[in-house]
Amino acid sequence: MGFYVNPENETKEEFLEREGLIVTPGFSMQWDDIPQGHLPVILVRNPTFTAAGIAFCKDKFKVMTNSYDKRLRTIYFVPIEKLVEVGGAGFADMVENNILN
């Protein structure tokens, strides 16, 4: 199961630019590099749309940043409290039950 950034009143790109900290392109980021209280969001550019997946665990992060996937990607660190607002009810429940407790 995956969770995605889907704000109601703006684009996902606008949300990420406002709320996220962009990871420097080319930075070889590891799961342990994530600032406390944040999660990485990977903005993937597909041919006809973008998707902003929330990497909520180490395994999801590995899948979403796999070097075999040649699509353009940008990684943002986003405060978890901000992601709860745009990640859907399932994400908010997961955070409440697993990450913050």
N, C-alpha and C. Protein backbone atom coordinates (compact mmCIF):
# COMPACT_ATOMS: atom_id res chain seq x y z
N MET A 1 0.84 -1.18 0.00
CA MET A 1 0.00 0.00 0.00
C MET A 1 0.89 1.24 0.00
N GLY A 2 0.46 2.24 -0.73
CA GLY A 2 1.21 3.48 -0.79
C GLY A 2 0.37 4.67 -0.38
N PHE A 3 1.05 5.73 -0.02
CA PHE A 3 0.39 6.98 0.33
C PHE A 3 0.98 8.08 -0.54
N TYR A 4 0.12 9.00 -0.95
CA TYR A 4 0.53 10.04 -1.87
C TYR A 4 0.05 11.40 -1.40
N VAL A 5 0.82 12.43 -1.73
CA VAL A 5 0.45 13.81 -1.43
C VAL A 5 -0.61 14.24 -2.44
N ASN A 6 -1.78 14.58 -1.95
CA ASN A 6 -2.88 15.04 -2.80
C ASN A 6 -3.63 16.19 -2.12
N PRO A 7 -3.04 17.39 -2.14
CA PRO A 7 -3.73 18.53 -1.51
C PRO A 7 -4.97 18.92 -2.30
N GLU A 8 -5.95 19.46 -1.61
CA GLU A 8 -7.22 19.82 -2.24
C GLU A 8 -7.19 21.15 -2.96
N ASN A 9 -6.45 22.13 -2.45
CA ASN A 9 -6.55 23.50 -2.96
C ASN A 9 -5.31 23.99 -3.69
N GLU A 10 -4.40 23.11 -4.01
CA GLU A 10 -3.18 23.48 -4.73
C GLU A 10 -2.59 22.23 -5.35
N THR A 11 -1.59 22.40 -6.19
CA THR A 11 -0.94 21.25 -6.78
C THR A 11 0.02 20.62 -5.78
N LYS A 12 0.36 19.38 -6.02
CA LYS A 12 1.33 18.71 -5.14
C LYS A 12 2.68 19.41 -5.20
N GLU A 13 3.03 19.94 -6.38
CA GLU A 13 4.29 20.67 -6.52
C GLU A 13 4.29 21.94 -5.68
N GLU A 14 3.18 22.67 -5.67
CA GLU A 14 3.08 23.88 -4.85
C GLU A 14 3.21 23.53 -3.36
N PHE A 15 2.53 22.47 -2.95
CA PHE A 15 2.60 22.03 -1.56
C PHE A 15 4.04 21.69 -1.18
N LEU A 16 4.72 20.91 -2.02
CA LEU A 16 6.08 20.48 -1.71
C LEU A 16 7.05 21.66 -1.68
N GLU A 17 6.88 22.60 -2.59
CA GLU A 17 7.76 23.78 -2.60
C GLU A 17 7.57 24.61 -1.33
N ARG A 18 6.34 24.68 -0.83
CA ARG A 18 6.04 25.49 0.35
C ARG A 18 6.43 24.78 1.65
N GLU A 19 6.11 23.50 1.75
CA GLU A 19 6.26 22.78 3.02
C GLU A 19 7.51 21.90 3.11
N GLY A 20 8.10 21.56 1.98
CA GLY A 20 9.22 20.63 1.99
C GLY A 20 10.58 21.30 1.90
N LEU A 21 11.58 20.55 2.27
CA LEU A 21 12.97 20.93 2.09
C LEU A 21 13.52 20.03 0.99
N ILE A 22 13.92 20.62 -0.11
CA ILE A 22 14.39 19.82 -1.23
C ILE A 22 15.75 19.20 -0.90
N VAL A 23 15.92 17.95 -1.25
CA VAL A 23 17.19 17.27 -1.06
C VAL A 23 18.06 17.62 -2.27
N THR A 24 19.26 18.03 -2.01
CA THR A 24 20.17 18.44 -3.07
C THR A 24 20.31 17.34 -4.11
N PRO A 25 20.07 17.65 -5.39
CA PRO A 25 20.23 16.63 -6.44
C PRO A 25 21.63 16.03 -6.39
N GLY A 26 21.70 14.71 -6.55
CA GLY A 26 22.98 14.02 -6.53
C GLY A 26 23.43 13.61 -5.13
N PHE A 27 22.75 14.11 -4.08
CA PHE A 27 23.10 13.74 -2.71
C PHE A 27 22.72 12.27 -2.50
N SER A 28 23.64 11.48 -2.09
CA SER A 28 23.40 10.06 -1.87
C SER A 28 22.75 9.88 -0.50
N MET A 29 21.45 10.03 -0.47
CA MET A 29 20.71 10.03 0.78
C MET A 29 20.41 8.63 1.26
N GLN A 30 20.50 8.44 2.56
CA GLN A 30 20.14 7.19 3.22
C GLN A 30 18.96 7.45 4.16
N TRP A 31 18.26 6.40 4.54
CA TRP A 31 17.12 6.53 5.44
C TRP A 31 17.48 7.27 6.72
N ASP A 32 18.68 7.01 7.25
CA ASP A 32 19.10 7.64 8.50
C ASP A 32 19.38 9.13 8.37
N ASP A 33 19.43 9.66 7.15
CA ASP A 33 19.67 11.08 6.92
C ASP A 33 18.41 11.94 7.08
N ILE A 34 17.26 11.30 7.25
CA ILE A 34 16.00 12.04 7.32
C ILE A 34 15.92 12.78 8.65
N PRO A 35 15.64 14.08 8.61
CA PRO A 35 15.52 14.84 9.86
C PRO A 35 14.35 14.30 10.71
N GLN A 36 14.54 14.31 12.00
CA GLN A 36 13.49 13.84 12.91
C GLN A 36 12.21 14.65 12.69
N GLY A 37 11.08 13.96 12.69
CA GLY A 37 9.79 14.63 12.52
C GLY A 37 9.41 14.85 11.07
N HIS A 38 10.21 14.34 10.14
CA HIS A 38 9.97 14.48 8.70
C HIS A 38 9.91 13.10 8.04
N LEU A 39 9.35 13.07 6.85
CA LEU A 39 9.42 11.90 5.98
C LEU A 39 9.80 12.37 4.59
N PRO A 40 10.47 11.51 3.83
CA PRO A 40 10.76 11.89 2.45
C PRO A 40 9.54 11.70 1.57
N VAL A 41 9.35 12.65 0.68
CA VAL A 41 8.32 12.54 -0.36
C VAL A 41 9.08 12.58 -1.68
N ILE A 42 8.80 11.59 -2.53
CA ILE A 42 9.49 11.49 -3.80
C ILE A 42 8.51 11.91 -4.89
N LEU A 43 8.82 13.03 -5.54
CA LEU A 43 8.02 13.53 -6.65
C LEU A 43 8.57 12.88 -7.92
N VAL A 44 7.75 12.07 -8.56
CA VAL A 44 8.14 11.33 -9.77
C VAL A 44 7.45 11.95 -10.97
N ARG A 45 8.23 12.22 -11.98
CA ARG A 45 7.67 12.79 -13.22
C ARG A 45 7.45 11.67 -14.23
N ASN A 46 6.19 11.35 -14.44
CA ASN A 46 5.77 10.38 -15.46
C ASN A 46 5.51 11.14 -16.75
N PRO A 47 5.36 10.45 -17.87
CA PRO A 47 5.13 11.17 -19.13
C PRO A 47 3.91 12.09 -19.12
N THR A 48 2.83 11.70 -18.44
CA THR A 48 1.61 12.51 -18.51
C THR A 48 1.13 13.06 -17.17
N PHE A 49 1.82 12.74 -16.08
CA PHE A 49 1.41 13.24 -14.76
C PHE A 49 2.58 13.11 -13.80
N THR A 50 2.44 13.75 -12.64
CA THR A 50 3.41 13.58 -11.56
C THR A 50 2.74 12.85 -10.41
N ALA A 51 3.53 12.18 -9.62
CA ALA A 51 3.06 11.51 -8.41
C ALA A 51 4.01 11.88 -7.29
N ALA A 52 3.48 12.12 -6.11
CA ALA A 52 4.29 12.47 -4.95
C ALA A 52 4.07 11.43 -3.87
N GLY A 53 4.88 10.39 -3.89
CA GLY A 53 4.75 9.28 -2.95
C GLY A 53 5.44 9.57 -1.64
N ILE A 54 4.77 9.20 -0.56
CA ILE A 54 5.32 9.37 0.78
C ILE A 54 6.07 8.09 1.15
N ALA A 55 7.37 8.21 1.38
CA ALA A 55 8.17 7.06 1.80
C ALA A 55 8.08 6.96 3.32
N PHE A 56 7.12 6.18 3.79
CA PHE A 56 6.81 6.13 5.22
C PHE A 56 7.63 5.09 5.97
N CYS A 57 8.44 4.31 5.27
CA CYS A 57 9.32 3.34 5.92
C CYS A 57 10.55 3.12 5.03
N LYS A 58 11.55 2.48 5.60
CA LYS A 58 12.79 2.25 4.89
C LYS A 58 12.59 1.45 3.60
N ASP A 59 11.75 0.43 3.65
CA ASP A 59 11.49 -0.39 2.45
C ASP A 59 10.84 0.43 1.34
N LYS A 60 9.85 1.25 1.68
CA LYS A 60 9.20 2.10 0.66
C LYS A 60 10.20 3.08 0.08
N PHE A 61 11.08 3.61 0.93
CA PHE A 61 12.09 4.54 0.45
C PHE A 61 13.00 3.86 -0.57
N LYS A 62 13.43 2.64 -0.28
CA LYS A 62 14.29 1.91 -1.23
C LYS A 62 13.60 1.69 -2.57
N VAL A 63 12.35 1.30 -2.53
CA VAL A 63 11.59 1.06 -3.76
C VAL A 63 11.44 2.36 -4.55
N MET A 64 11.11 3.43 -3.87
CA MET A 64 10.82 4.70 -4.54
C MET A 64 12.06 5.41 -5.06
N THR A 65 13.23 5.01 -4.60
CA THR A 65 14.48 5.64 -5.04
C THR A 65 15.38 4.66 -5.78
N ASN A 66 14.83 3.56 -6.23
CA ASN A 66 15.60 2.53 -6.93
C ASN A 66 16.27 3.13 -8.17
N SER A 67 17.56 2.92 -8.30
CA SER A 67 18.31 3.52 -9.41
C SER A 67 17.96 2.90 -10.76
N TYR A 68 17.30 1.77 -10.77
CA TYR A 68 16.88 1.15 -12.04
C TYR A 68 15.70 1.91 -12.67
N ASP A 69 14.98 2.64 -11.85
CA ASP A 69 13.86 3.45 -12.33
C ASP A 69 14.44 4.76 -12.85
N LYS A 70 14.36 4.98 -14.14
CA LYS A 70 15.02 6.13 -14.77
C LYS A 70 14.16 7.39 -14.85
N ARG A 71 12.93 7.35 -14.29
CA ARG A 71 12.11 8.56 -14.29
C ARG A 71 12.76 9.65 -13.45
N LEU A 72 12.54 10.89 -13.84
CA LEU A 72 13.07 12.01 -13.07
C LEU A 72 12.36 12.08 -11.72
N ARG A 73 13.15 12.27 -10.67
CA ARG A 73 12.60 12.31 -9.32
C ARG A 73 13.24 13.45 -8.53
N THR A 74 12.44 14.01 -7.64
CA THR A 74 12.94 15.01 -6.70
C THR A 74 12.49 14.56 -5.32
N ILE A 75 13.41 14.61 -4.36
CA ILE A 75 13.09 14.19 -2.99
C ILE A 75 12.97 15.44 -2.12
N TYR A 76 11.93 15.45 -1.31
CA TYR A 76 11.69 16.52 -0.34
C TYR A 76 11.57 15.90 1.04
N PHE A 77 12.10 16.57 2.05
CA PHE A 77 11.81 16.24 3.44
C PHE A 77 10.62 17.10 3.84
N VAL A 78 9.55 16.46 4.31
CA VAL A 78 8.33 17.20 4.67
C VAL A 78 7.96 16.83 6.11
N PRO A 79 7.61 17.83 6.93
CA PRO A 79 7.18 17.53 8.29
C PRO A 79 5.97 16.57 8.28
N ILE A 80 6.03 15.58 9.13
CA ILE A 80 4.95 14.59 9.20
C ILE A 80 3.61 15.27 9.46
N GLU A 81 3.58 16.27 10.33
CA GLU A 81 2.32 16.95 10.65
C GLU A 81 1.69 17.59 9.42
N LYS A 82 2.50 18.03 8.46
CA LYS A 82 1.98 18.61 7.22
C LYS A 82 1.49 17.51 6.27
N LEU A 83 2.16 16.36 6.29
CA LEU A 83 1.74 15.25 5.43
C LEU A 83 0.41 14.66 5.87
N VAL A 84 0.14 14.70 7.17
CA VAL A 84 -1.14 14.20 7.68
C VAL A 84 -2.29 14.95 7.02
N GLU A 85 -2.09 16.24 6.74
CA GLU A 85 -3.14 17.07 6.13
C GLU A 85 -3.44 16.70 4.68
N VAL A 86 -2.48 16.09 3.98
CA VAL A 86 -2.64 15.86 2.53
C VAL A 86 -2.45 14.40 2.11
N GLY A 87 -2.17 13.52 3.07
CA GLY A 87 -1.88 12.12 2.73
C GLY A 87 -3.07 11.19 2.78
N GLY A 88 -4.24 11.70 3.11
CA GLY A 88 -5.44 10.87 3.18
C GLY A 88 -5.67 10.28 4.56
N ALA A 89 -6.89 9.80 4.77
CA ALA A 89 -7.28 9.26 6.08
C ALA A 89 -6.44 8.05 6.47
N GLY A 90 -6.12 7.20 5.52
CA GLY A 90 -5.31 6.02 5.81
C GLY A 90 -3.92 6.39 6.30
N PHE A 91 -3.35 7.42 5.71
CA PHE A 91 -2.03 7.87 6.14
C PHE A 91 -2.12 8.45 7.55
N ALA A 92 -3.12 9.29 7.80
CA ALA A 92 -3.28 9.89 9.13
C ALA A 92 -3.44 8.80 10.19
N ASP A 93 -4.22 7.75 9.89
CA ASP A 93 -4.38 6.63 10.83
C ASP A 93 -3.06 5.91 11.07
N MET A 94 -2.30 5.68 10.00
CA MET A 94 -1.03 4.99 10.11
C MET A 94 -0.07 5.79 10.98
N VAL A 95 -0.03 7.10 10.79
CA VAL A 95 0.85 7.95 11.58
C VAL A 95 0.44 7.89 13.05
N GLU A 96 -0.84 8.02 13.30
CA GLU A 96 -1.33 8.01 14.68
C GLU A 96 -1.01 6.68 15.37
N ASN A 97 -1.13 5.60 14.65
CA ASN A 97 -0.97 4.28 15.25
C ASN A 97 0.46 3.75 15.24
N ASN A 98 1.31 4.24 14.37
CA ASN A 98 2.64 3.64 14.25
C ASN A 98 3.81 4.58 14.42
N ILE A 99 3.76 5.74 13.83
CA ILE A 99 4.93 6.61 13.85
C ILE A 99 5.02 7.44 15.12
N LEU A 100 3.92 8.03 15.52
CA LEU A 100 3.97 8.96 16.65
C LEU A 100 3.85 8.28 18.01
N ASN A 101 3.46 7.02 18.02
CA ASN A 101 3.31 6.32 19.31
C ASN A 101 4.53 5.48 19.61
